[in-house]
C-alpha atoms as a PDB file:
ATOM      1  CA  MET A   1     -32.739  13.903  39.457  1.00  0.00           C
ATOM      2  CA  LEU A   2     -36.204  14.425  38.014  1.00  0.00           C
ATOM      3  CA  ILE A   3     -38.368  11.425  37.166  1.00  0.00           C
ATOM      4  CA  ARG A   4     -41.048  12.018  34.532  1.00  0.00           C
ATOM      5  CA  ILE A   5     -44.010   9.664  34.330  1.00  0.00           C
ATOM      6  CA  VAL A   6     -46.501  10.031  31.504  1.00  0.00           C
ATOM      7  CA  ARG A   7     -49.645   7.852  31.451  1.00  0.00           C
ATOM      8  CA  MET A   8     -51.252   7.501  28.040  1.00  0.00           C
ATOM      9  CA  THR A   9     -54.483   5.751  27.060  1.00  0.00           C
ATOM     10  CA  PHE A  10     -54.668   4.841  23.388  1.00  0.00           C
ATOM     11  CA  GLN A  11     -57.495   3.862  21.140  1.00  0.00           C
ATOM     12  CA  PRO A  12     -57.275   0.045  21.176  1.00  0.00           C
ATOM     13  CA  ASP A  13     -56.861  -0.141  17.412  1.00  0.00           C
ATOM     14  CA  LYS A  14     -54.027   2.433  17.540  1.00  0.00           C
ATOM     15  CA  VAL A  15     -51.722   0.604  19.986  1.00  0.00           C
ATOM     16  CA  ALA A  16     -49.556  -0.853  17.200  1.00  0.00           C
ATOM     17  CA  ASP A  17     -49.208   2.637  15.708  1.00  0.00           C
ATOM     18  CA  PHE A  18     -48.029   3.998  19.054  1.00  0.00           C
ATOM     19  CA  LEU A  19     -45.519   1.171  19.458  1.00  0.00           C
ATOM     20  CA  THR A  20     -44.109   2.029  16.030  1.00  0.00           C
ATOM     21  CA  VAL A  21     -43.774   5.703  16.986  1.00  0.00           C
ATOM     22  CA  PHE A  22     -42.043   4.747  20.227  1.00  0.00           C
ATOM     23  CA  GLU A  23     -39.697   2.331  18.474  1.00  0.00           C
ATOM     24  CA  GLU A  24     -38.694   5.040  15.990  1.00  0.00           C
ATOM     25  CA  SER A  25     -38.030   7.677  18.652  1.00  0.00           C
ATOM     26  CA  LYS A  26     -36.830   5.874  21.808  1.00  0.00           C
ATOM     27  CA  GLU A  27     -33.098   5.953  21.035  1.00  0.00           C
ATOM     28  CA  LYS A  28     -33.269   9.634  20.055  1.00  0.00           C
ATOM     29  CA  ILE A  29     -35.129  10.528  23.253  1.00  0.00           C
ATOM     30  CA  ARG A  30     -32.661   8.559  25.350  1.00  0.00           C
ATOM     31  CA  ALA A  31     -29.791  10.357  23.614  1.00  0.00           C
ATOM     32  CA  MET A  32     -31.126  13.793  24.560  1.00  0.00           C
ATOM     33  CA  PRO A  33     -28.757  15.713  26.847  1.00  0.00           C
ATOM     34  CA  GLY A  34     -29.722  15.127  30.456  1.00  0.00           C
ATOM     35  CA  CYS A  35     -31.767  11.947  29.854  1.00  0.00           C
ATOM     36  CA  HIS A  36     -30.390   9.029  31.874  1.00  0.00           C
ATOM     37  CA  ARG A  37     -33.091   6.394  31.470  1.00  0.00           C
ATOM     38  CA  LEU A  38     -36.214   5.727  29.440  1.00  0.00           C
ATOM     39  CA  GLU A  39     -38.691   2.928  30.009  1.00  0.00           C
ATOM     40  CA  LEU A  40     -41.986   2.007  28.414  1.00  0.00           C
ATOM     41  CA  LEU A  41     -44.471   0.286  30.709  1.00  0.00           C
ATOM     42  CA  ARG A  42     -47.833  -1.313  29.913  1.00  0.00           C
ATOM     43  CA  ASP A  43     -50.767  -1.783  32.250  1.00  0.00           C
ATOM     44  CA  LEU A  44     -51.390  -5.481  32.905  1.00  0.00           C
ATOM     45  CA  ASP A  45     -55.165  -5.062  33.037  1.00  0.00           C
ATOM     46  CA  LEU A  46     -55.621  -2.377  30.381  1.00  0.00           C
ATOM     47  CA  PRO A  47     -53.490  -3.274  27.347  1.00  0.00           C
ATOM     48  CA  ASN A  48     -54.116   0.085  25.682  1.00  0.00           C
ATOM     49  CA  VAL A  49     -52.653   2.037  28.640  1.00  0.00           C
ATOM     50  CA  PHE A  50     -48.933   2.769  28.623  1.00  0.00           C
ATOM     51  CA  MET A  51     -46.585   4.826  30.732  1.00  0.00           C
ATOM     52  CA  THR A  52     -43.217   6.268  29.942  1.00  0.00           C
ATOM     53  CA  TYR A  53     -40.823   6.544  32.840  1.00  0.00           C
ATOM     54  CA  SER A  54     -37.781   8.686  32.266  1.00  0.00           C
ATOM     55  CA  TYR A  55     -34.948  10.121  34.364  1.00  0.00           C
ATOM     56  CA  TRP A  56     -33.620  13.616  33.683  1.00  0.00           C
ATOM     57  CA  ASP A  57     -30.880  15.730  35.251  1.00  0.00           C
ATOM     58  CA  ASP A  58     -33.440  18.376  36.190  1.00  0.00           C
ATOM     59  CA  ALA A  59     -36.426  20.357  34.902  1.00  0.00           C
ATOM     60  CA  THR A  60     -34.159  22.337  32.591  1.00  0.00           C
ATOM     61  CA  ALA A  61     -33.048  19.165  30.777  1.00  0.00           C
ATOM     62  CA  LEU A  62     -36.631  17.915  30.517  1.00  0.00           C
ATOM     63  CA  ASN A  63     -37.812  21.261  29.196  1.00  0.00           C
ATOM     64  CA  ARG A  64     -35.030  21.326  26.588  1.00  0.00           C
ATOM     65  CA  TYR A  65     -36.395  18.034  25.327  1.00  0.00           C
ATOM     66  CA  ARG A  66     -40.013  19.277  25.475  1.00  0.00           C
ATOM     67  CA  ASP A  67     -38.994  22.350  23.444  1.00  0.00           C
ATOM     68  CA  SER A  68     -37.107  20.258  20.868  1.00  0.00           C
ATOM     69  CA  GLU A  69     -38.178  19.379  17.334  1.00  0.00           C
ATOM     70  CA  LEU A  70     -37.914  15.697  18.341  1.00  0.00           C
ATOM     71  CA  PHE A  71     -40.563  16.113  21.024  1.00  0.00           C
ATOM     72  CA  LYS A  72     -42.825  18.203  18.788  1.00  0.00           C
ATOM     73  CA  THR A  73     -42.799  15.674  15.932  1.00  0.00           C
ATOM     74  CA  THR A  74     -43.056  12.632  18.210  1.00  0.00           C
ATOM     75  CA  TRP A  75     -45.874  14.155  20.249  1.00  0.00           C
ATOM     76  CA  ALA A  76     -47.772  15.169  17.093  1.00  0.00           C
ATOM     77  CA  LYS A  77     -47.702  11.540  15.912  1.00  0.00           C
ATOM     78  CA  THR A  78     -48.654  10.251  19.377  1.00  0.00           C
ATOM     79  CA  LYS A  79     -51.467  12.532  20.482  1.00  0.00           C
ATOM     80  CA  VAL A  80     -53.727  11.679  17.539  1.00  0.00           C
ATOM     81  CA  LEU A  81     -53.773   8.077  18.828  1.00  0.00           C
ATOM     82  CA  PHE A  82     -55.141   8.885  22.302  1.00  0.00           C
ATOM     83  CA  ALA A  83     -58.481   7.684  23.615  1.00  0.00           C
ATOM     84  CA  ASP A  84     -58.176   9.902  26.697  1.00  0.00           C
ATOM     85  CA  LYS A  85     -56.174  12.860  27.936  1.00  0.00           C
ATOM     86  CA  PRO A  86     -52.632  11.900  29.006  1.00  0.00           C
ATOM     87  CA  LEU A  87     -51.475  12.454  32.563  1.00  0.00           C
ATOM     88  CA  ALA A  88     -47.940  13.633  33.299  1.00  0.00           C
ATOM     89  CA  TYR A  89     -46.063  13.813  36.582  1.00  0.00           C
ATOM     90  CA  SER A  90     -42.638  15.158  37.467  1.00  0.00           C
ATOM     91  CA  VAL A  91     -41.432  13.600  40.686  1.00  0.00           C
ATOM     92  CA  GLU A  92     -38.303  13.131  42.745  1.00  0.00           C
ATOM     93  CA  ARG A  93     -37.168   9.997  44.533  1.00  0.00           C
ATOM     94  CA  LEU A  94     -37.153  10.436  48.284  1.00  0.00           C
ATOM     95  CA  GLN A  95     -36.135   6.920  49.238  1.00  0.00           C
ATOM     96  CA  GLU A  96     -35.140   3.677  47.556  1.00  0.00           C
ATOM     97  CA  LEU A  97     -34.892   0.255  49.116  1.00  0.00           C
ATOM     98  CA  ALA A  98     -33.119  -2.426  47.145  1.00  0.00           C
END
């Protein structure tokens, strides 16, 4: 399982625009083959900083999404709202304590 974390800093006056883009695309992203979970997180101290946290079967599934028309159109609408360069991480879970 691959976990993808993307940290995005938006222009403060563009946060509502981003939330609209996310609302319009979240179900489609989650329905992509190989996507098992999608979360949107917001920084408690920086209200214009968000992270997406998604679970994918593997890098192949993630890359299929990243090569899709859905990603291209969603990303085009999102990147114009940034105040800073996004940071993306692909990680694997080594341990979990519940």
